[in-house]
Amino acid sequence: MIFDAIEDFARALGPQGALAGLDLGTKTIGVAVSDGLRRVASPLETIRRTRFSDDAARLQEILSARDIRGLVLGLPLNMDGSEGPRCQSSRAFARNFSRVRAMPIAFWDERLSSVAAERALLEADTSRKRRGEVIDQVAAGYILQGALDRLAHLER
């Protein structure tokens, strides 16, 4: 089940249970997870991309170990809101992954998430080397937190 609207995603989820957020890049996948009450997103790890089957297997391990109930994928829209090749790649990943594991999957506008992640890491005085290691998972955290905030607003 893949959803463009977060409202439809919310209806497909149960009332509680952790979610995972993904920042899909060409070389890496940043992964973040939420708590079971869906209040806080935390960066978890960066998967080095190889083949889809290997990437999906590692992602499945994470989802199973943390009892993840849904996925939020960053959708890299252009600044004017249009979709380009990177969006098509994210949508293809979602379609392929949904064939491997049946769970609700939603897209979240990720414009400027990497910029926000970079700024946060700079403010934390993170070394250049360390920033390179964690930037994708921190960006995934920003993506997931945006979706969590919207889901919390829908509950009111």
N, C-alpha and C. Protein backbone atom coordinates (compact mmCIF):
# COMPACT_ATOMS: atom_id res chain seq x y z
N MET A 1 0.84 -1.18 0.00
CA MET A 1 0.00 0.00 0.00
C MET A 1 0.89 1.24 0.00
N ILE A 2 0.87 1.96 -1.09
CA ILE A 2 1.69 3.16 -1.23
C ILE A 2 0.77 4.37 -1.30
N PHE A 3 1.07 5.38 -0.48
CA PHE A 3 0.21 6.55 -0.38
C PHE A 3 0.98 7.84 -0.67
N ASP A 4 0.36 8.70 -1.48
CA ASP A 4 0.91 10.04 -1.68
C ASP A 4 0.42 10.99 -0.58
N ALA A 5 -0.79 10.77 -0.11
CA ALA A 5 -1.38 11.65 0.91
C ALA A 5 -1.13 11.06 2.30
N ILE A 6 -0.57 11.87 3.18
CA ILE A 6 -0.27 11.41 4.53
C ILE A 6 -1.55 11.04 5.29
N GLU A 7 -2.67 11.67 4.92
CA GLU A 7 -3.95 11.36 5.57
C GLU A 7 -4.36 9.91 5.27
N ASP A 8 -4.15 9.47 4.04
CA ASP A 8 -4.47 8.08 3.67
C ASP A 8 -3.52 7.10 4.36
N PHE A 9 -2.27 7.48 4.45
CA PHE A 9 -1.27 6.69 5.16
C PHE A 9 -1.69 6.53 6.62
N ALA A 10 -2.12 7.62 7.25
CA ALA A 10 -2.53 7.60 8.66
C ALA A 10 -3.68 6.61 8.86
N ARG A 11 -4.64 6.59 7.95
CA ARG A 11 -5.78 5.68 8.07
C ARG A 11 -5.34 4.22 7.93
N ALA A 12 -4.30 3.97 7.16
CA ALA A 12 -3.82 2.59 6.95
C ALA A 12 -3.01 2.06 8.13
N LEU A 13 -2.48 2.97 8.94
CA LEU A 13 -1.68 2.57 10.09
C LEU A 13 -2.59 2.28 11.28
N GLY A 14 -2.12 1.45 12.18
CA GLY A 14 -2.81 1.30 13.45
C GLY A 14 -2.54 2.52 14.31
N PRO A 15 -3.14 2.59 15.49
CA PRO A 15 -2.99 3.78 16.33
C PRO A 15 -1.58 3.97 16.90
N GLN A 16 -0.82 2.90 17.03
CA GLN A 16 0.52 3.00 17.58
C GLN A 16 1.46 2.10 16.79
N GLY A 17 2.73 2.23 17.10
CA GLY A 17 3.75 1.42 16.45
C GLY A 17 4.76 2.30 15.76
N ALA A 18 5.99 1.88 15.81
CA ALA A 18 7.08 2.67 15.26
C ALA A 18 7.02 2.75 13.74
N LEU A 19 7.56 3.85 13.23
CA LEU A 19 7.69 4.06 11.79
C LEU A 19 9.17 4.23 11.47
N ALA A 20 9.51 4.04 10.20
CA ALA A 20 10.87 4.29 9.74
C ALA A 20 10.81 5.32 8.63
N GLY A 21 11.84 6.15 8.56
CA GLY A 21 11.97 7.14 7.50
C GLY A 21 13.21 6.83 6.69
N LEU A 22 13.12 7.03 5.38
CA LEU A 22 14.25 6.75 4.50
C LEU A 22 14.60 7.98 3.67
N ASP A 23 15.88 8.25 3.59
CA ASP A 23 16.42 9.25 2.67
C ASP A 23 17.17 8.45 1.61
N LEU A 24 16.53 8.28 0.46
CA LEU A 24 17.09 7.45 -0.61
C LEU A 24 18.05 8.26 -1.47
N GLY A 25 19.28 7.86 -1.47
CA GLY A 25 20.27 8.47 -2.35
C GLY A 25 20.73 7.45 -3.38
N THR A 26 21.57 7.87 -4.28
CA THR A 26 22.05 6.94 -5.30
C THR A 26 23.09 5.97 -4.72
N LYS A 27 23.82 6.40 -3.68
CA LYS A 27 24.88 5.57 -3.10
C LYS A 27 24.54 5.06 -1.71
N THR A 28 23.62 5.74 -1.02
CA THR A 28 23.28 5.37 0.35
C THR A 28 21.78 5.50 0.60
N ILE A 29 21.35 4.85 1.68
CA ILE A 29 19.99 5.02 2.18
C ILE A 29 20.12 5.40 3.65
N GLY A 30 19.70 6.61 3.98
CA GLY A 30 19.68 7.03 5.37
C GLY A 30 18.43 6.47 6.01
N VAL A 31 18.58 5.92 7.22
CA VAL A 31 17.45 5.31 7.93
C VAL A 31 17.28 5.98 9.28
N ALA A 32 16.03 6.34 9.58
CA ALA A 32 15.67 6.86 10.90
C ALA A 32 14.46 6.08 11.38
N VAL A 33 14.26 6.02 12.69
CA VAL A 33 13.13 5.31 13.25
C VAL A 33 12.45 6.18 14.31
N SER A 34 11.19 5.88 14.54
CA SER A 34 10.46 6.61 15.58
C SER A 34 10.24 5.71 16.79
N ASP A 35 9.80 6.32 17.86
CA ASP A 35 9.35 5.55 19.01
C ASP A 35 7.97 4.98 18.70
N GLY A 36 7.47 4.09 19.53
CA GLY A 36 6.19 3.44 19.30
C GLY A 36 5.00 4.39 19.34
N LEU A 37 5.15 5.51 20.04
CA LEU A 37 4.06 6.49 20.10
C LEU A 37 4.12 7.49 18.95
N ARG A 38 5.14 7.36 18.13
CA ARG A 38 5.30 8.21 16.93
C ARG A 38 5.45 9.68 17.27
N ARG A 39 6.29 9.96 18.24
CA ARG A 39 6.53 11.35 18.64
C ARG A 39 7.88 11.87 18.18
N VAL A 40 8.91 11.00 18.26
CA VAL A 40 10.28 11.45 18.02
C VAL A 40 10.98 10.55 17.00
N ALA A 41 11.62 11.18 16.02
CA ALA A 41 12.42 10.46 15.03
C ALA A 41 13.88 10.49 15.45
N SER A 42 14.54 9.37 15.32
CA SER A 42 15.96 9.28 15.67
C SER A 42 16.74 8.67 14.50
N PRO A 43 17.82 9.32 14.08
CA PRO A 43 18.67 8.73 13.04
C PRO A 43 19.18 7.38 13.51
N LEU A 44 19.25 6.40 12.60
CA LEU A 44 19.66 5.06 13.01
C LEU A 44 20.93 4.60 12.30
N GLU A 45 20.89 4.56 10.99
CA GLU A 45 22.08 4.08 10.26
C GLU A 45 22.02 4.51 8.80
N THR A 46 23.15 4.30 8.14
CA THR A 46 23.25 4.57 6.71
C THR A 46 23.59 3.25 6.03
N ILE A 47 22.75 2.86 5.10
CA ILE A 47 22.98 1.64 4.33
C ILE A 47 23.72 2.03 3.05
N ARG A 48 24.86 1.39 2.80
CA ARG A 48 25.57 1.59 1.54
C ARG A 48 24.86 0.79 0.47
N ARG A 49 24.39 1.44 -0.56
CA ARG A 49 23.61 0.76 -1.58
C ARG A 49 24.49 -0.13 -2.46
N THR A 50 23.96 -1.31 -2.75
CA THR A 50 24.61 -2.22 -3.68
C THR A 50 23.56 -2.63 -4.71
N ARG A 51 22.96 -3.80 -4.50
CA ARG A 51 21.85 -4.23 -5.36
C ARG A 51 20.56 -4.06 -4.56
N PHE A 52 19.45 -3.92 -5.28
CA PHE A 52 18.17 -3.74 -4.59
C PHE A 52 17.91 -4.87 -3.60
N SER A 53 18.17 -6.11 -4.01
CA SER A 53 17.87 -7.24 -3.13
C SER A 53 18.67 -7.16 -1.82
N ASP A 54 19.93 -6.74 -1.90
CA ASP A 54 20.75 -6.59 -0.69
C ASP A 54 20.25 -5.43 0.16
N ASP A 55 19.93 -4.31 -0.49
CA ASP A 55 19.42 -3.15 0.23
C ASP A 55 18.11 -3.49 0.94
N ALA A 56 17.22 -4.19 0.22
CA ALA A 56 15.92 -4.57 0.78
C ALA A 56 16.09 -5.55 1.94
N ALA A 57 17.05 -6.46 1.82
CA ALA A 57 17.29 -7.43 2.89
C ALA A 57 17.74 -6.72 4.17
N ARG A 58 18.67 -5.77 4.04
CA ARG A 58 19.12 -5.04 5.23
C ARG A 58 17.98 -4.23 5.82
N LEU A 59 17.21 -3.60 4.97
CA LEU A 59 16.07 -2.81 5.44
C LEU A 59 15.06 -3.72 6.16
N GLN A 60 14.82 -4.89 5.61
CA GLN A 60 13.90 -5.84 6.26
C GLN A 60 14.39 -6.23 7.65
N GLU A 61 15.70 -6.43 7.79
CA GLU A 61 16.27 -6.76 9.11
C GLU A 61 15.95 -5.66 10.12
N ILE A 62 16.14 -4.41 9.70
CA ILE A 62 15.89 -3.27 10.58
C ILE A 62 14.40 -3.21 10.94
N LEU A 63 13.55 -3.34 9.94
CA LEU A 63 12.11 -3.24 10.17
C LEU A 63 11.62 -4.34 11.11
N SER A 64 12.11 -5.54 10.92
CA SER A 64 11.70 -6.66 11.78
C SER A 64 12.22 -6.50 13.20
N ALA A 65 13.48 -6.13 13.34
CA ALA A 65 14.08 -6.00 14.66
C ALA A 65 13.40 -4.92 15.49
N ARG A 66 12.86 -3.89 14.84
CA ARG A 66 12.25 -2.77 15.56
C ARG A 66 10.73 -2.75 15.46
N ASP A 67 10.15 -3.81 14.90
CA ASP A 67 8.69 -3.92 14.74
C ASP A 67 8.10 -2.66 14.11
N ILE A 68 8.68 -2.28 12.97
CA ILE A 68 8.25 -1.07 12.25
C ILE A 68 6.93 -1.35 11.54
N ARG A 69 5.98 -0.42 11.69
CA ARG A 69 4.63 -0.60 11.13
C ARG A 69 4.40 0.11 9.80
N GLY A 70 5.26 1.07 9.45
CA GLY A 70 5.09 1.81 8.21
C GLY A 70 6.38 2.51 7.82
N LEU A 71 6.49 2.85 6.54
CA LEU A 71 7.68 3.53 6.01
C LEU A 71 7.30 4.89 5.46
N VAL A 72 8.17 5.86 5.70
CA VAL A 72 8.04 7.19 5.11
C VAL A 72 9.28 7.42 4.25
N LEU A 73 9.07 7.56 2.95
CA LEU A 73 10.17 7.78 2.03
C LEU A 73 10.23 9.24 1.63
N GLY A 74 11.41 9.80 1.70
CA GLY A 74 11.58 11.16 1.22
C GLY A 74 11.35 11.22 -0.28
N LEU A 75 10.57 12.20 -0.71
CA LEU A 75 10.31 12.40 -2.13
C LEU A 75 11.05 13.66 -2.56
N PRO A 76 12.11 13.51 -3.35
CA PRO A 76 12.96 14.66 -3.69
C PRO A 76 12.37 15.52 -4.82
N LEU A 77 11.34 16.27 -4.47
CA LEU A 77 10.71 17.16 -5.44
C LEU A 77 11.66 18.28 -5.84
N ASN A 78 11.49 18.81 -7.03
CA ASN A 78 12.23 19.99 -7.44
C ASN A 78 11.70 21.17 -6.63
N MET A 79 12.46 22.24 -6.58
CA MET A 79 12.06 23.39 -5.77
C MET A 79 10.72 23.98 -6.23
N ASP A 80 10.36 23.79 -7.49
CA ASP A 80 9.07 24.30 -7.99
C ASP A 80 7.93 23.30 -7.74
N GLY A 81 8.22 22.19 -7.05
CA GLY A 81 7.20 21.20 -6.73
C GLY A 81 7.02 20.11 -7.77
N SER A 82 7.71 20.22 -8.89
CA SER A 82 7.58 19.21 -9.94
C SER A 82 8.44 17.99 -9.60
N GLU A 83 8.14 16.88 -10.27
CA GLU A 83 8.88 15.65 -10.05
C GLU A 83 9.87 15.42 -11.19
N GLY A 84 11.07 15.03 -10.82
CA GLY A 84 12.10 14.73 -11.79
C GLY A 84 12.52 13.28 -11.69
N PRO A 85 13.67 12.94 -12.28
CA PRO A 85 14.15 11.55 -12.28
C PRO A 85 14.37 10.97 -10.89
N ARG A 86 14.80 11.79 -9.94
CA ARG A 86 15.03 11.27 -8.57
C ARG A 86 13.72 10.85 -7.92
N CYS A 87 12.63 11.58 -8.20
CA CYS A 87 11.31 11.18 -7.68
C CYS A 87 10.89 9.85 -8.29
N GLN A 88 11.13 9.70 -9.58
CA GLN A 88 10.78 8.43 -10.24
C GLN A 88 11.54 7.28 -9.61
N SER A 89 12.80 7.52 -9.26
CA SER A 89 13.61 6.49 -8.62
C SER A 89 13.05 6.14 -7.24
N SER A 90 12.62 7.14 -6.48
CA SER A 90 12.04 6.89 -5.15
C SER A 90 10.73 6.11 -5.28
N ARG A 91 9.92 6.48 -6.25
CA ARG A 91 8.65 5.78 -6.46
C ARG A 91 8.90 4.33 -6.89
N ALA A 92 9.91 4.12 -7.72
CA ALA A 92 10.25 2.75 -8.15
C ALA A 92 10.72 1.92 -6.95
N PHE A 93 11.53 2.53 -6.08
CA PHE A 93 11.99 1.82 -4.89
C PHE A 93 10.79 1.41 -4.05
N ALA A 94 9.84 2.32 -3.85
CA ALA A 94 8.65 2.02 -3.05
C ALA A 94 7.86 0.86 -3.67
N ARG A 95 7.66 0.91 -4.99
CA ARG A 95 6.92 -0.17 -5.67
C ARG A 95 7.64 -1.50 -5.49
N ASN A 96 8.95 -1.51 -5.70
CA ASN A 96 9.72 -2.75 -5.57
C ASN A 96 9.72 -3.26 -4.13
N PHE A 97 9.88 -2.36 -3.17
CA PHE A 97 9.92 -2.79 -1.78
C PHE A 97 8.56 -3.30 -1.33
N SER A 98 7.48 -2.70 -1.84
CA SER A 98 6.13 -3.15 -1.45
C SER A 98 5.87 -4.58 -1.93
N ARG A 99 6.59 -5.03 -2.93
CA ARG A 99 6.46 -6.42 -3.39
C ARG A 99 7.20 -7.38 -2.46
N VAL A 100 8.19 -6.85 -1.75
CA VAL A 100 8.99 -7.65 -0.83
C VAL A 100 8.35 -7.71 0.55
N ARG A 101 7.76 -6.60 0.97
CA ARG A 101 7.16 -6.51 2.31
C ARG A 101 5.90 -5.67 2.24
N ALA A 102 4.80 -6.27 2.63
CA ALA A 102 3.52 -5.56 2.61
C ALA A 102 3.39 -4.71 3.87
N MET A 103 3.43 -3.40 3.68
CA MET A 103 3.24 -2.47 4.78
C MET A 103 2.90 -1.11 4.18
N PRO A 104 2.25 -0.26 4.95
CA PRO A 104 1.95 1.08 4.43
C PRO A 104 3.25 1.86 4.16
N ILE A 105 3.30 2.49 3.00
CA ILE A 105 4.44 3.31 2.60
C ILE A 105 3.90 4.67 2.17
N ALA A 106 4.49 5.72 2.69
CA ALA A 106 4.07 7.08 2.33
C ALA A 106 5.28 7.86 1.82
N PHE A 107 4.99 8.87 1.03
CA PHE A 107 6.02 9.79 0.57
C PHE A 107 5.90 11.09 1.36
N TRP A 108 7.06 11.71 1.61
CA TRP A 108 7.09 12.99 2.31
C TRP A 108 8.05 13.91 1.56
N ASP A 109 7.60 15.11 1.31
CA ASP A 109 8.40 16.12 0.61
C ASP A 109 9.71 16.33 1.37
N GLU A 110 10.81 16.01 0.73
CA GLU A 110 12.10 16.11 1.42
C GLU A 110 12.91 17.33 1.02
N ARG A 111 12.29 18.27 0.31
CA ARG A 111 13.05 19.46 -0.07
C ARG A 111 13.67 20.09 1.17
N LEU A 112 14.92 20.38 1.06
CA LEU A 112 15.72 21.05 2.10
C LEU A 112 16.01 20.19 3.33
N SER A 113 15.63 18.91 3.34
CA SER A 113 15.95 18.08 4.51
C SER A 113 17.46 17.91 4.66
N SER A 114 18.18 17.74 3.55
CA SER A 114 19.64 17.60 3.64
C SER A 114 20.28 18.90 4.08
N VAL A 115 19.73 20.01 3.64
CA VAL A 115 20.24 21.32 4.08
C VAL A 115 20.05 21.48 5.58
N ALA A 116 18.86 21.13 6.08
CA ALA A 116 18.58 21.23 7.52
C ALA A 116 19.49 20.28 8.30
N ALA A 117 19.70 19.08 7.79
CA ALA A 117 20.57 18.12 8.46
C ALA A 117 22.00 18.63 8.52
N GLU A 118 22.48 19.16 7.41
CA GLU A 118 23.84 19.71 7.37
C GLU A 118 23.99 20.86 8.36
N ARG A 119 23.01 21.73 8.40
CA ARG A 119 23.05 22.87 9.32
C ARG A 119 23.08 22.40 10.77
N ALA A 120 22.25 21.40 11.10
CA ALA A 120 22.22 20.88 12.47
C ALA A 120 23.56 20.26 12.85
N LEU A 121 24.17 19.54 11.92
CA LEU A 121 25.46 18.92 12.20
C LEU A 121 26.56 19.97 12.35
N LEU A 122 26.49 21.02 11.56
CA LEU A 122 27.47 22.11 11.69
C LEU A 122 27.31 22.82 13.04
N GLU A 123 26.06 23.06 13.43
CA GLU A 123 25.80 23.71 14.71
C GLU A 123 26.27 22.85 15.87
N ALA A 124 26.24 21.54 15.69
CA ALA A 124 26.72 20.62 16.72
C ALA A 124 28.23 20.45 16.67
N ASP A 125 28.88 21.21 15.77
CA ASP A 125 30.34 21.17 15.62
C ASP A 125 30.84 19.77 15.27
N THR A 126 30.09 19.09 14.41
CA THR A 126 30.45 17.75 13.96
C THR A 126 31.57 17.86 12.92
N SER A 127 32.57 17.00 13.03
CA SER A 127 33.68 17.04 12.09
C SER A 127 33.20 16.73 10.68
N ARG A 128 33.96 17.18 9.70
CA ARG A 128 33.60 16.93 8.29
C ARG A 128 33.48 15.43 8.03
N LYS A 129 34.42 14.66 8.55
CA LYS A 129 34.40 13.21 8.35
C LYS A 129 33.13 12.61 8.94
N ARG A 130 32.82 12.98 10.16
CA ARG A 130 31.63 12.44 10.83
C ARG A 130 30.35 12.89 10.12
N ARG A 131 30.31 14.14 9.65
CA ARG A 131 29.13 14.63 8.91
C ARG A 131 28.88 13.75 7.69
N GLY A 132 29.94 13.40 6.98
CA GLY A 132 29.81 12.55 5.80
C GLY A 132 29.25 11.18 6.14
N GLU A 133 29.57 10.70 7.35
CA GLU A 133 29.11 9.38 7.77
C GLU A 133 27.64 9.36 8.17
N VAL A 134 27.13 10.49 8.71
CA VAL A 134 25.78 10.48 9.30
C VAL A 134 24.77 11.37 8.60
N ILE A 135 25.19 12.15 7.62
CA ILE A 135 24.28 13.13 7.01
C ILE A 135 23.00 12.50 6.48
N ASP A 136 23.10 11.33 5.86
CA ASP A 136 21.91 10.69 5.26
C ASP A 136 20.93 10.22 6.32
N GLN A 137 21.44 9.66 7.42
CA GLN A 137 20.52 9.22 8.47
C GLN A 137 19.91 10.40 9.22
N VAL A 138 20.66 11.48 9.34
CA VAL A 138 20.09 12.69 9.96
C VAL A 138 19.02 13.29 9.05
N ALA A 139 19.26 13.29 7.74
CA ALA A 139 18.25 13.77 6.78
C ALA A 139 17.01 12.88 6.86
N ALA A 140 17.19 11.56 7.00
CA ALA A 140 16.05 10.65 7.17
C ALA A 140 15.27 11.01 8.43
N GLY A 141 16.00 11.42 9.47
CA GLY A 141 15.34 11.85 10.70
C GLY A 141 14.47 13.08 10.49
N TYR A 142 14.96 14.02 9.69
CA TYR A 142 14.17 15.22 9.39
C TYR A 142 12.93 14.85 8.57
N ILE A 143 13.08 13.96 7.63
CA ILE A 143 11.95 13.51 6.81
C ILE A 143 10.90 12.86 7.71
N LEU A 144 11.35 11.92 8.53
CA LEU A 144 10.42 11.20 9.40
C LEU A 144 9.77 12.13 10.42
N GLN A 145 10.54 13.05 10.99
CA GLN A 145 9.97 13.95 11.99
C GLN A 145 8.88 14.83 11.38
N GLY A 146 9.09 15.27 10.15
CA GLY A 146 8.06 16.06 9.47
C GLY A 146 6.77 15.28 9.34
N ALA A 147 6.88 14.02 8.94
CA ALA A 147 5.70 13.17 8.80
C ALA A 147 5.06 12.90 10.16
N LEU A 148 5.88 12.65 11.19
CA LEU A 148 5.34 12.41 12.53
C LEU A 148 4.57 13.62 13.04
N ASP A 149 5.12 14.81 12.82
CA ASP A 149 4.43 16.04 13.26
C ASP A 149 3.10 16.19 12.56
N ARG A 150 3.06 15.88 11.28
CA ARG A 150 1.80 15.96 10.53
C ARG A 150 0.82 14.91 11.02
N LEU A 151 1.27 13.70 11.29
CA LEU A 151 0.39 12.66 11.81
C LEU A 151 -0.17 13.06 13.16
N ALA A 152 0.65 13.66 14.03
CA ALA A 152 0.18 14.11 15.34
C ALA A 152 -0.88 15.18 15.18
N HIS A 153 -0.70 16.07 14.22
CA HIS A 153 -1.68 17.13 13.97
C HIS A 153 -3.01 16.54 13.50
N LEU A 154 -2.95 15.49 12.71
CA LEU A 154 -4.17 14.84 12.21
C LEU A 154 -4.96 14.18 13.33
N GLU A 155 -4.27 13.75 14.39
CA GLU A 155 -4.93 13.09 15.53
C GLU A 155 -5.76 14.05 16.35
N ARG A 156 -5.44 15.33 16.28
CA ARG A 156 -6.16 16.31 17.12
C ARG A 156 -7.56 16.53 16.66
